[in-house]
N, C-alpha and C. Protein backbone atom coordinates (compact mmCIF):
# COMPACT_ATOMS: atom_id res chain seq x y z
N MET A 1 82.47 108.00 100.97
CA MET A 1 83.51 108.90 101.46
C MET A 1 83.94 109.15 102.85
N PRO A 2 84.78 108.69 103.61
CA PRO A 2 85.18 108.93 104.69
C PRO A 2 85.08 110.43 105.38
N GLU A 3 85.02 111.02 106.16
CA GLU A 3 85.09 112.37 106.46
C GLU A 3 86.31 112.55 107.02
N ALA A 4 87.08 113.74 106.77
CA ALA A 4 88.58 114.12 107.08
C ALA A 4 88.64 114.28 108.37
N PRO A 5 89.60 114.21 109.06
CA PRO A 5 89.42 114.46 110.70
C PRO A 5 89.65 115.92 110.61
N ALA A 6 88.63 116.40 111.71
CA ALA A 6 88.85 118.12 112.40
C ALA A 6 90.40 118.20 112.32
N PRO A 7 90.54 119.27 111.91
CA PRO A 7 92.02 119.75 112.11
C PRO A 7 92.68 120.30 113.42
N ARG A 8 93.78 119.67 113.80
CA ARG A 8 93.86 120.24 115.24
C ARG A 8 94.16 121.78 115.09
N PRO A 9 94.07 122.40 116.11
CA PRO A 9 94.23 123.59 116.58
C PRO A 9 95.51 124.04 116.62
N GLY A 10 96.60 124.85 116.05
CA GLY A 10 97.50 125.26 115.75
C GLY A 10 98.20 125.97 117.19
N MET A 11 99.69 125.89 117.39
CA MET A 11 99.92 126.34 118.60
C MET A 11 99.35 127.73 119.19
N ALA A 12 99.00 128.77 118.23
CA ALA A 12 98.86 129.87 118.70
C ALA A 12 97.20 129.90 119.38
N ALA A 13 96.56 129.19 118.64
CA ALA A 13 95.37 128.71 119.31
C ALA A 13 94.94 128.20 120.42
N ILE A 14 96.00 127.69 121.10
CA ILE A 14 95.96 126.92 122.31
C ILE A 14 96.49 127.91 123.27
N LEU A 15 97.65 128.49 122.68
CA LEU A 15 98.20 129.54 123.63
C LEU A 15 97.43 130.71 124.14
N PHE A 16 96.78 131.13 122.88
CA PHE A 16 96.34 132.72 123.11
C PHE A 16 94.84 132.56 122.88
N THR A 17 94.25 131.60 123.97
CA THR A 17 92.93 131.80 124.38
C THR A 17 92.61 133.34 125.55
N LEU A 18 91.48 133.31 125.24
CA LEU A 18 91.48 134.53 125.95
C LEU A 18 91.58 134.32 127.66
N PRO A 19 91.23 132.87 128.32
CA PRO A 19 91.50 132.83 129.81
C PRO A 19 92.87 132.65 129.89
N ASN A 20 93.76 132.14 129.03
CA ASN A 20 95.20 132.01 129.37
C ASN A 20 95.87 133.73 129.21
N LEU A 21 95.24 134.31 128.30
CA LEU A 21 95.97 135.77 128.25
C LEU A 21 95.67 136.28 129.59
N ILE A 22 94.36 136.26 130.13
CA ILE A 22 94.26 136.89 131.24
C ILE A 22 94.90 136.32 132.71
N THR A 23 95.15 134.95 132.50
CA THR A 23 96.03 134.25 133.45
C THR A 23 97.34 135.01 133.65
N PHE A 24 98.02 134.73 132.02
CA PHE A 24 98.86 135.70 131.98
C PHE A 24 98.96 136.78 132.68
N GLY A 25 98.18 138.02 131.90
CA GLY A 25 97.93 139.22 133.06
C GLY A 25 98.22 138.93 134.39
N ARG A 26 97.63 137.98 135.15
CA ARG A 26 97.48 138.08 136.75
C ARG A 26 99.06 137.56 136.60
N ILE A 27 100.00 136.88 136.30
CA ILE A 27 101.18 136.65 136.24
C ILE A 27 101.92 137.62 136.47
N CYS A 28 101.77 139.09 135.34
CA CYS A 28 102.54 139.97 135.42
C CYS A 28 102.06 141.01 136.02
N ALA A 29 100.88 140.84 136.96
CA ALA A 29 100.62 141.89 138.18
C ALA A 29 101.17 141.70 139.43
N VAL A 30 101.88 140.50 139.44
CA VAL A 30 102.61 139.74 140.47
C VAL A 30 104.04 140.88 140.97
N PRO A 31 104.82 141.05 140.00
CA PRO A 31 105.93 142.25 140.05
C PRO A 31 105.85 143.56 140.30
N LEU A 32 103.88 143.83 139.76
CA LEU A 32 103.65 145.29 139.89
C LEU A 32 103.23 145.28 141.40
N ALA A 33 102.51 144.50 141.74
CA ALA A 33 102.14 144.38 143.35
C ALA A 33 103.28 144.51 144.22
N PHE A 34 104.26 144.03 143.94
CA PHE A 34 105.56 143.93 144.77
C PHE A 34 106.20 144.90 144.40
N TRP A 35 106.55 145.76 143.52
CA TRP A 35 106.57 147.14 143.55
C TRP A 35 105.93 148.19 144.10
N ALA A 36 104.83 147.68 144.00
CA ALA A 36 104.02 149.12 144.99
C ALA A 36 104.14 148.59 146.30
N LEU A 37 104.48 147.33 146.77
CA LEU A 37 104.45 147.16 148.19
C LEU A 37 105.91 148.00 148.61
N LEU A 38 106.77 147.65 147.95
CA LEU A 38 108.26 148.13 148.29
C LEU A 38 108.28 149.87 148.18
N ARG A 39 107.41 150.30 147.32
CA ARG A 39 107.20 151.43 147.56
C ARG A 39 106.36 152.21 148.54
N HIS A 40 105.69 151.09 149.31
CA HIS A 40 104.73 151.61 150.11
C HIS A 40 103.62 152.18 149.79
N ARG A 41 103.25 151.60 148.60
CA ARG A 41 101.97 152.10 147.78
C ARG A 41 101.18 151.33 148.22
N MET A 42 100.43 150.81 149.55
CA MET A 42 99.46 149.91 149.86
C MET A 42 98.08 150.12 148.88
N ASP A 43 97.67 151.17 148.94
CA ASP A 43 96.79 151.51 147.91
C ASP A 43 96.64 150.79 146.51
N GLU A 44 97.80 151.12 146.12
CA GLU A 44 98.06 150.64 144.64
C GLU A 44 98.04 149.17 144.68
N ALA A 45 98.59 148.41 145.84
CA ALA A 45 99.08 147.05 145.81
C ALA A 45 97.64 146.45 145.81
N PHE A 46 96.82 147.09 146.63
CA PHE A 46 95.41 146.67 147.34
C PHE A 46 94.62 146.85 145.61
N VAL A 47 94.59 147.58 145.02
CA VAL A 47 94.28 147.76 143.80
C VAL A 47 94.41 146.65 142.94
N ILE A 48 95.78 146.42 142.78
CA ILE A 48 96.54 145.32 142.01
C ILE A 48 95.81 143.94 142.19
N PHE A 49 95.93 143.93 143.78
CA PHE A 49 95.76 142.28 144.36
C PHE A 49 94.05 142.07 143.81
N VAL A 50 93.24 143.24 144.17
CA VAL A 50 91.62 142.79 143.86
C VAL A 50 91.51 142.73 142.46
N ALA A 51 92.40 143.39 141.36
CA ALA A 51 92.17 143.08 140.17
C ALA A 51 92.41 141.81 139.76
N ALA A 52 93.84 141.27 140.33
CA ALA A 52 94.24 139.84 140.16
C ALA A 52 93.32 138.75 140.55
N GLY A 53 92.48 139.21 141.64
CA GLY A 53 91.57 138.24 142.07
C GLY A 53 90.40 137.96 141.35
N LEU A 54 89.82 139.49 140.77
CA LEU A 54 88.71 139.45 139.65
C LEU A 54 89.16 138.38 138.38
N SER A 55 90.28 138.69 138.01
CA SER A 55 90.77 137.94 136.88
C SER A 55 90.74 136.49 136.71
N ASP A 56 91.37 136.13 138.09
CA ASP A 56 91.29 134.77 138.29
C ASP A 56 89.88 134.63 138.27
N ALA A 57 88.66 135.04 138.92
CA ALA A 57 87.16 134.43 138.46
C ALA A 57 86.78 134.54 137.21
N LEU A 58 87.28 135.73 136.59
CA LEU A 58 86.81 135.86 135.10
C LEU A 58 87.29 134.54 134.36
N ASP A 59 88.77 134.42 134.33
CA ASP A 59 89.44 133.15 133.47
C ASP A 59 88.88 132.11 133.43
N GLY A 60 88.68 131.66 135.26
CA GLY A 60 87.93 130.62 135.03
C GLY A 60 86.53 130.32 134.63
N TRP A 61 86.17 131.57 134.84
CA TRP A 61 84.55 131.43 134.35
C TRP A 61 84.45 130.98 132.64
N LEU A 62 85.49 131.88 132.02
CA LEU A 62 85.57 131.75 130.68
C LEU A 62 85.95 130.39 130.60
N ALA A 63 86.87 129.59 131.13
CA ALA A 63 87.34 128.56 130.64
C ALA A 63 86.16 127.34 130.56
N ARG A 64 85.70 127.66 131.47
CA ARG A 64 84.81 126.49 132.13
C ARG A 64 83.48 126.90 130.69
N ARG A 65 83.23 128.02 130.40
CA ARG A 65 82.10 128.30 129.44
C ARG A 65 82.64 127.93 127.98
N ARG A 66 83.84 128.06 127.97
CA ARG A 66 84.30 127.50 126.63
C ARG A 66 84.87 125.90 126.45
N GLY A 67 84.35 125.38 127.50
CA GLY A 67 84.48 123.69 127.58
C GLY A 67 85.73 123.29 128.22
N GLY A 68 85.94 124.05 129.35
CA GLY A 68 86.97 123.70 130.17
C GLY A 68 88.26 123.95 130.32
N GLY A 69 88.82 124.74 129.58
CA GLY A 69 90.26 125.40 129.21
C GLY A 69 90.79 124.39 128.51
N ASN A 70 92.26 124.67 128.78
CA ASN A 70 93.68 123.25 128.24
C ASN A 70 94.32 123.34 129.09
N LEU A 71 95.31 122.70 128.94
CA LEU A 71 96.50 121.87 129.58
C LEU A 71 97.50 123.24 130.22
N LEU A 72 97.81 124.53 129.21
CA LEU A 72 98.45 125.51 129.50
C LEU A 72 97.85 126.13 130.58
N GLY A 73 96.48 126.75 130.51
CA GLY A 73 95.58 127.18 131.76
C GLY A 73 95.72 126.33 132.84
N ALA A 74 95.57 125.23 132.88
CA ALA A 74 95.52 124.57 134.16
C ALA A 74 97.17 124.62 134.67
N VAL A 75 97.98 124.59 133.80
CA VAL A 75 99.19 124.81 134.60
C VAL A 75 99.38 126.54 135.48
N MET A 76 99.39 127.24 134.24
CA MET A 76 99.55 128.70 134.70
C MET A 76 98.79 129.14 135.94
N ASP A 77 97.32 128.73 135.98
CA ASP A 77 96.43 129.32 137.00
C ASP A 77 96.85 129.25 138.39
N PRO A 78 97.50 128.24 138.66
CA PRO A 78 97.80 127.75 140.11
C PRO A 78 98.71 128.35 140.22
N VAL A 79 100.11 128.47 139.21
CA VAL A 79 100.98 129.29 139.43
C VAL A 79 101.14 130.45 139.61
N ALA A 80 100.17 131.32 138.90
CA ALA A 80 99.68 132.82 138.84
C ALA A 80 99.14 132.97 140.50
N ASP A 81 98.36 132.06 140.87
CA ASP A 81 97.96 132.25 142.14
C ASP A 81 99.11 132.47 143.17
N LYS A 82 99.81 130.86 143.15
CA LYS A 82 100.84 131.14 144.15
C LYS A 82 101.68 132.07 144.12
N ALA A 83 102.09 132.31 143.08
CA ALA A 83 103.35 133.39 142.89
C ALA A 83 102.67 134.99 143.46
N LEU A 84 101.23 134.76 143.25
CA LEU A 84 100.61 136.18 143.79
C LEU A 84 100.35 136.15 145.39
N LEU A 85 100.18 135.22 146.14
CA LEU A 85 100.30 134.89 147.12
C LEU A 85 101.35 134.78 147.93
N VAL A 86 102.39 134.13 147.58
CA VAL A 86 103.69 134.12 148.11
C VAL A 86 104.59 135.51 147.93
N THR A 87 104.44 136.09 146.93
CA THR A 87 104.82 137.35 147.08
C THR A 87 104.13 138.39 147.71
N MET A 88 102.93 138.22 148.02
CA MET A 88 102.17 139.33 148.79
C MET A 88 102.74 138.98 150.35
N TYR A 89 102.55 137.46 150.64
CA TYR A 89 103.08 137.38 152.25
C TYR A 89 104.51 137.75 152.17
N ILE A 90 105.55 137.67 151.37
CA ILE A 90 106.86 138.00 151.66
C ILE A 90 106.99 139.45 151.63
N SER A 91 106.32 139.96 150.98
CA SER A 91 106.45 141.64 150.68
C SER A 91 105.61 142.19 151.96
N LEU A 92 104.76 141.69 152.30
CA LEU A 92 103.88 142.29 153.55
C LEU A 92 105.06 142.34 154.86
N ALA A 93 105.53 141.32 154.94
CA ALA A 93 106.32 141.03 155.97
C ALA A 93 107.49 141.67 155.98
N ALA A 94 107.75 141.81 154.70
CA ALA A 94 109.29 142.70 154.39
C ALA A 94 108.76 144.27 155.02
N VAL A 95 107.90 144.96 155.11
CA VAL A 95 107.57 146.04 155.24
C VAL A 95 106.47 146.26 156.30
N ASP A 96 106.53 144.84 157.16
CA ASP A 96 106.24 145.02 158.70
C ASP A 96 104.70 145.40 158.79
N VAL A 97 103.88 144.87 157.74
CA VAL A 97 102.46 145.06 157.81
C VAL A 97 102.20 143.45 158.43
N LEU A 98 102.44 142.63 158.24
CA LEU A 98 101.97 141.21 158.57
C LEU A 98 103.36 140.48 159.34
N PRO A 99 103.24 139.84 160.20
CA PRO A 99 104.82 139.17 161.04
C PRO A 99 105.32 138.56 160.10
N ASP A 100 106.71 138.25 160.11
CA ASP A 100 107.48 137.68 159.36
C ASP A 100 107.48 136.20 159.56
N TRP A 101 106.96 135.69 160.56
CA TRP A 101 106.84 134.33 160.96
C TRP A 101 105.89 133.58 160.13
N LEU A 102 104.64 134.58 160.41
CA LEU A 102 103.61 133.71 159.27
C LEU A 102 103.95 133.91 157.79
N ALA A 103 104.65 134.52 157.19
CA ALA A 103 105.25 134.79 155.99
C ALA A 103 106.25 133.29 155.55
N ILE A 104 107.17 133.36 156.58
CA ILE A 104 107.79 131.98 156.65
C ILE A 104 107.09 130.92 156.64
N LEU A 105 105.97 130.77 157.43
CA LEU A 105 105.22 129.51 157.72
C LEU A 105 104.15 129.32 156.40
N VAL A 106 103.75 130.36 155.82
CA VAL A 106 102.78 130.28 154.25
C VAL A 106 103.73 129.66 153.48
N VAL A 107 105.14 130.10 153.39
CA VAL A 107 105.72 129.72 152.03
C VAL A 107 106.43 128.58 152.39
N PHE A 108 106.84 128.15 153.80
CA PHE A 108 107.44 126.80 154.06
C PHE A 108 106.39 126.01 153.67
N ARG A 109 105.14 125.90 154.08
CA ARG A 109 104.37 125.23 153.77
C ARG A 109 103.97 124.68 152.15
N ASP A 110 104.12 125.78 151.33
CA ASP A 110 103.99 125.73 149.68
C ASP A 110 105.22 124.86 149.58
N LEU A 111 106.22 125.16 150.12
CA LEU A 111 107.55 124.57 149.66
C LEU A 111 107.61 122.77 150.07
N VAL A 112 107.08 122.66 151.02
CA VAL A 112 106.58 121.16 151.47
C VAL A 112 105.82 120.36 150.68
N ILE A 113 104.73 121.28 150.30
CA ILE A 113 104.01 120.73 149.31
C ILE A 113 104.83 120.19 148.11
N VAL A 114 104.87 121.39 147.48
CA VAL A 114 105.82 121.27 145.97
C VAL A 114 106.68 120.19 146.03
N GLY A 115 107.69 120.48 147.22
CA GLY A 115 108.88 119.50 147.09
C GLY A 115 108.46 117.87 147.05
N GLY A 116 107.32 117.63 147.84
CA GLY A 116 106.65 116.62 148.39
C GLY A 116 105.92 115.84 146.74
N ILE A 117 105.73 116.65 145.93
CA ILE A 117 105.33 116.20 145.11
C ILE A 117 106.17 115.93 144.18
N LEU A 118 107.39 116.98 143.92
CA LEU A 118 108.66 116.40 143.03
C LEU A 118 109.01 115.46 143.51
N LEU A 119 109.26 114.96 144.72
CA LEU A 119 109.93 113.98 145.22
C LEU A 119 109.20 112.74 144.93
N MET A 120 108.03 112.56 145.27
CA MET A 120 107.22 111.30 144.68
C MET A 120 106.97 111.27 143.06
N ALA A 121 107.38 112.23 142.22
CA ALA A 121 107.60 112.16 140.93
C ALA A 121 108.88 111.56 140.68
N VAL A 122 109.80 112.12 141.03
CA VAL A 122 111.23 111.35 140.81
C VAL A 122 111.10 109.67 141.30
N LEU A 123 110.37 109.78 142.12
CA LEU A 123 110.87 108.18 142.84
C LEU A 123 109.58 107.44 142.18
N GLY A 124 108.79 107.68 141.15
CA GLY A 124 108.20 107.20 140.45
C GLY A 124 106.63 107.02 140.92
N HIS A 125 106.13 107.43 141.86
CA HIS A 125 104.69 107.58 142.31
C HIS A 125 103.76 107.98 141.47
N GLU A 126 102.74 107.63 141.17
CA GLU A 126 101.66 108.55 140.70
C GLU A 126 101.14 109.58 141.54
N ILE A 127 101.03 110.77 141.03
CA ILE A 127 100.81 111.89 141.83
C ILE A 127 99.21 111.99 141.56
N THR A 128 98.31 112.39 142.31
CA THR A 128 97.37 113.01 142.31
C THR A 128 96.73 113.66 143.45
N ILE A 129 96.49 115.07 142.96
CA ILE A 129 96.20 116.13 144.01
C ILE A 129 94.93 116.40 144.20
N GLN A 130 94.53 115.84 145.24
CA GLN A 130 93.07 116.50 145.30
C GLN A 130 92.98 117.48 146.47
N PRO A 131 92.83 118.63 146.23
CA PRO A 131 92.35 119.74 147.05
C PRO A 131 91.85 119.36 148.16
N LEU A 132 92.29 119.60 149.42
CA LEU A 132 91.33 119.39 150.59
C LEU A 132 90.48 120.88 151.24
N TYR A 133 89.57 120.17 151.97
CA TYR A 133 88.82 121.32 152.39
C TYR A 133 89.80 122.28 153.20
N ILE A 134 90.39 121.74 154.17
CA ILE A 134 90.98 122.70 154.75
C ILE A 134 91.97 123.67 154.08
N SER A 135 92.58 123.01 152.88
CA SER A 135 93.35 123.72 152.44
C SER A 135 92.84 124.91 151.16
N LYS A 136 91.29 124.67 151.20
CA LYS A 136 90.48 125.59 150.28
C LYS A 136 90.13 126.70 151.40
N LEU A 137 89.68 126.29 152.48
CA LEU A 137 89.47 127.25 153.36
C LEU A 137 90.87 128.11 153.66
N ASN A 138 91.77 127.44 153.84
CA ASN A 138 93.50 128.14 153.98
C ASN A 138 93.56 129.22 153.04
N THR A 139 93.60 128.69 151.90
CA THR A 139 93.50 129.98 150.72
C THR A 139 92.48 131.10 150.64
N VAL A 140 91.36 130.78 150.96
CA VAL A 140 90.38 132.14 151.44
C VAL A 140 91.12 132.72 152.45
N LEU A 141 91.12 132.14 153.54
CA LEU A 141 91.48 133.04 154.80
C LEU A 141 92.84 133.71 154.36
N GLN A 142 93.98 133.12 153.69
CA GLN A 142 95.36 133.72 153.08
C GLN A 142 94.73 135.08 152.29
N ILE A 143 93.81 134.87 151.24
CA ILE A 143 93.37 136.03 150.38
C ILE A 143 93.17 136.98 151.23
N LEU A 144 92.17 136.91 152.11
CA LEU A 144 91.32 137.77 152.95
C LEU A 144 92.18 138.53 153.78
N LEU A 145 93.17 137.81 154.36
CA LEU A 145 94.28 138.52 155.32
C LEU A 145 95.08 139.27 154.40
N VAL A 146 95.61 138.92 153.20
CA VAL A 146 96.22 140.07 152.45
C VAL A 146 95.20 141.32 151.82
N ALA A 147 93.92 140.83 151.60
CA ALA A 147 93.07 142.37 151.18
C ALA A 147 92.85 143.25 152.32
N VAL A 148 92.71 142.39 153.43
CA VAL A 148 92.39 143.29 154.81
C VAL A 148 93.38 143.77 155.35
N SER A 149 94.63 143.33 155.07
CA SER A 149 95.84 144.08 155.67
C SER A 149 96.21 145.34 154.53
N LEU A 150 95.94 145.22 153.31
CA LEU A 150 96.12 145.98 152.23
C LEU A 150 95.16 147.16 152.73
N LEU A 151 93.97 147.22 152.75
CA LEU A 151 93.09 147.62 152.92
C LEU A 151 93.14 148.61 154.28
N GLU A 152 93.61 148.03 155.32
CA GLU A 152 94.06 148.97 156.51
C GLU A 152 94.95 149.89 156.26
N SER A 153 96.08 149.22 155.63
CA SER A 153 97.24 150.00 155.45
C SER A 153 97.40 151.00 154.47
N GLY A 154 96.37 150.71 153.44
CA GLY A 154 96.78 151.64 151.94
C GLY A 154 95.55 152.69 152.35
N PHE A 155 94.32 152.42 153.18
CA PHE A 155 93.31 153.24 153.24
C PHE A 155 92.94 153.89 154.60
N GLY A 156 93.23 153.44 155.56
CA GLY A 156 93.33 153.28 156.76
C GLY A 156 91.81 152.67 157.18
N LEU A 157 91.28 151.98 156.42
CA LEU A 157 90.05 151.48 156.60
C LEU A 157 90.50 149.96 157.18
N GLY A 158 89.46 149.45 158.22
CA GLY A 158 89.43 148.25 158.37
C GLY A 158 89.77 148.37 160.22
N ILE A 159 89.55 146.91 160.89
CA ILE A 159 89.18 146.55 162.28
C ILE A 159 90.55 146.10 162.47
N PRO A 160 91.08 146.63 163.23
CA PRO A 160 92.88 145.49 163.65
C PRO A 160 92.44 144.37 164.38
N ILE A 161 91.51 144.40 165.20
CA ILE A 161 91.32 142.96 165.79
C ILE A 161 90.90 142.13 164.89
N LEU A 162 90.27 142.47 163.41
CA LEU A 162 90.05 141.39 162.49
C LEU A 162 91.35 141.01 162.01
N THR A 163 92.26 141.81 161.80
CA THR A 163 93.56 141.43 161.06
C THR A 163 94.19 140.23 162.00
N VAL A 164 94.30 140.87 163.61
CA VAL A 164 94.72 139.81 164.36
C VAL A 164 94.09 138.39 164.12
N VAL A 165 92.68 138.21 164.34
CA VAL A 165 92.07 137.07 164.12
C VAL A 165 92.91 136.14 162.88
N LEU A 166 92.30 137.37 161.84
CA LEU A 166 92.70 136.51 160.32
C LEU A 166 94.19 135.64 160.54
N ILE A 167 95.28 136.69 161.01
CA ILE A 167 96.74 136.04 161.35
C ILE A 167 96.66 135.04 161.85
N TRP A 168 95.81 134.58 163.26
CA TRP A 168 96.13 133.57 163.79
C TRP A 168 95.03 132.24 163.03
N CYS A 169 94.17 132.77 162.46
CA CYS A 169 93.33 131.69 161.50
C CYS A 169 94.19 131.19 160.20
N VAL A 170 94.92 131.97 159.72
CA VAL A 170 95.98 131.80 158.63
C VAL A 170 96.95 130.85 159.25
N ALA A 171 97.58 131.15 160.41
CA ALA A 171 98.55 130.01 160.82
C ALA A 171 97.98 128.77 161.01
N VAL A 172 96.57 128.50 161.87
CA VAL A 172 96.15 127.71 162.19
C VAL A 172 95.87 126.37 160.90
N THR A 173 95.42 127.07 159.93
CA THR A 173 94.88 126.59 158.69
C THR A 173 95.82 126.12 157.90
N THR A 174 96.96 126.82 157.80
CA THR A 174 98.09 126.67 157.23
C THR A 174 98.89 125.43 157.72
N LEU A 175 99.23 125.35 159.53
CA LEU A 175 99.32 124.29 159.83
C LEU A 175 98.91 122.91 159.36
N ALA A 176 97.76 123.35 159.49
CA ALA A 176 96.46 122.30 159.41
C ALA A 176 96.68 121.50 158.08
N SER A 177 96.48 122.24 156.82
CA SER A 177 96.56 121.93 155.66
C SER A 177 97.80 121.17 155.47
N GLY A 178 99.23 121.90 155.67
CA GLY A 178 100.23 121.43 155.56
C GLY A 178 100.73 120.11 156.26
N THR A 179 99.83 119.86 157.34
CA THR A 179 100.23 118.52 157.99
C THR A 179 99.05 117.49 157.07
N ALA A 180 98.03 117.98 156.93
CA ALA A 180 97.34 116.93 156.12
C ALA A 180 97.39 116.32 155.13
N TYR A 181 98.11 117.38 154.38
CA TYR A 181 98.99 116.88 152.88
C TYR A 181 99.99 115.76 153.17
N VAL A 182 101.01 116.37 154.32
CA VAL A 182 102.00 115.34 154.47
C VAL A 182 101.52 113.94 155.09
N TRP A 183 100.16 113.92 155.99
CA TRP A 183 99.97 112.62 156.27
C TRP A 183 99.19 111.91 155.45
N ASN A 184 98.25 112.19 154.39
CA ASN A 184 98.06 111.65 153.13
C ASN A 184 98.84 111.23 152.19
N ALA A 185 99.75 111.68 151.88
CA ALA A 185 101.08 111.49 151.31
C ALA A 185 101.69 110.07 151.97
N ALA A 186 101.95 110.53 153.02
CA ALA A 186 102.72 109.39 153.94
C ALA A 186 101.64 108.05 154.04
N ARG A 187 100.76 108.00 153.99
CA ARG A 187 99.67 107.07 153.97
C ARG A 187 99.32 106.62 152.43
N GLY A 188 99.82 107.13 151.29
CA GLY A 188 99.73 106.72 150.15
C GLY A 188 98.29 107.30 149.16
N GLU A 189 97.82 108.64 149.92
CA GLU A 189 96.34 108.58 149.27
C GLU A 189 96.75 109.72 148.29
């Protein structure tokens, strides 16, 4: 007697996994962090930002431990990360903690990359996105700059020269990673 196929998980089982719920919580943290920044509560924004970062590590660990997660989590996770970082850069520039030119550069790079992906998809090109080393470094530096800026302005802790160095490191790596993605796309890689 042949075995019956294993039942497919229902929609609720796919949507409501613990890693997906944690990622959704991180998405919900974005407007909270934005609100804290607009109220000039840098200390609260710092706590929210750190909690979001820890939740990112936790949901990734849980997804890997449980067999790699699912498609919804794979889509939501980078959206949550980008939403938080873009919001923080725009907000920190709006309250004069970070230079506005840097926020514009960070957001513009992401728009170029997303726009390029959408354009390639519309034109029927196969899209494979391989994170580049420079892009990973850029992300780490962007996160570090937000954390240091919030720590410094929210708690009075920090080393101002470190903020200046991080601003320039983020600017250089943002330009380099954006250029690398455009170059690779133009070469068909």
